[in-house]
Structures are given as C-alpha cells and as structure tokens.
Amino acid sequence: MTIFNVSIKKSTMKEENEFIDFYSGTEVSIIGLRRQLKCIGVFGIIQDNFNSRNLAEFYGGTADTVRFKIRTIDVVKARPILEEFLSA
C-alpha cells in the first residue's frame, strides 16, 4: 500500500484535470476507496498493469500493484477520505 505525497500548487486548467497517482494497493482495497470517494463526487481510474500484461500474454509481476488515479483538482477534497480509509 502506497500513499502518494502530492503537493498542491497554483496550476493551469490543463494541469488540474490531469490524472495523478493517489493511492496504490490491492484491487479490493482500491474498490472500497473508490466507492467512498464517489460519494463526495471524486471520480478516478484504476490502473492495473498486472492484468493488462496478462491480457497481452506477458506474464509475471505482482498482482497487488494496482494504482488509483484521480484528477489533481480533487486531491484536497479526497485526502480526508483517504486518511479515514487508512485508519479503519
């Protein structure tokens, strides 16, 4: 499980809409976090390189390296949910 340390700075509209790594862990934990963030209007994407490699018939790696990405603009709103999620 990894929490990505993201610093917030003044940015352009393009940078605010870019997806950044917010959390990495197991797919099951990310699904739970994603559900909680969806309730406050924060939507993200799940990046699962392990399954992507398997679909392309390249095998190997670890199955628990799944990343959850959110838009930069949503980090401030999402951080308290992540902290609560990790403390549970």
Foldseek 3Di string as FASTA:
>chain_A
DDADDDDDDDDDPVLQFDKDFGDFWAPVLVVVLQVVVVVVPWHWDKAFVQVVCVVVVRHDDDRRGITIITGNNCCVVSVVSVVVSVVD
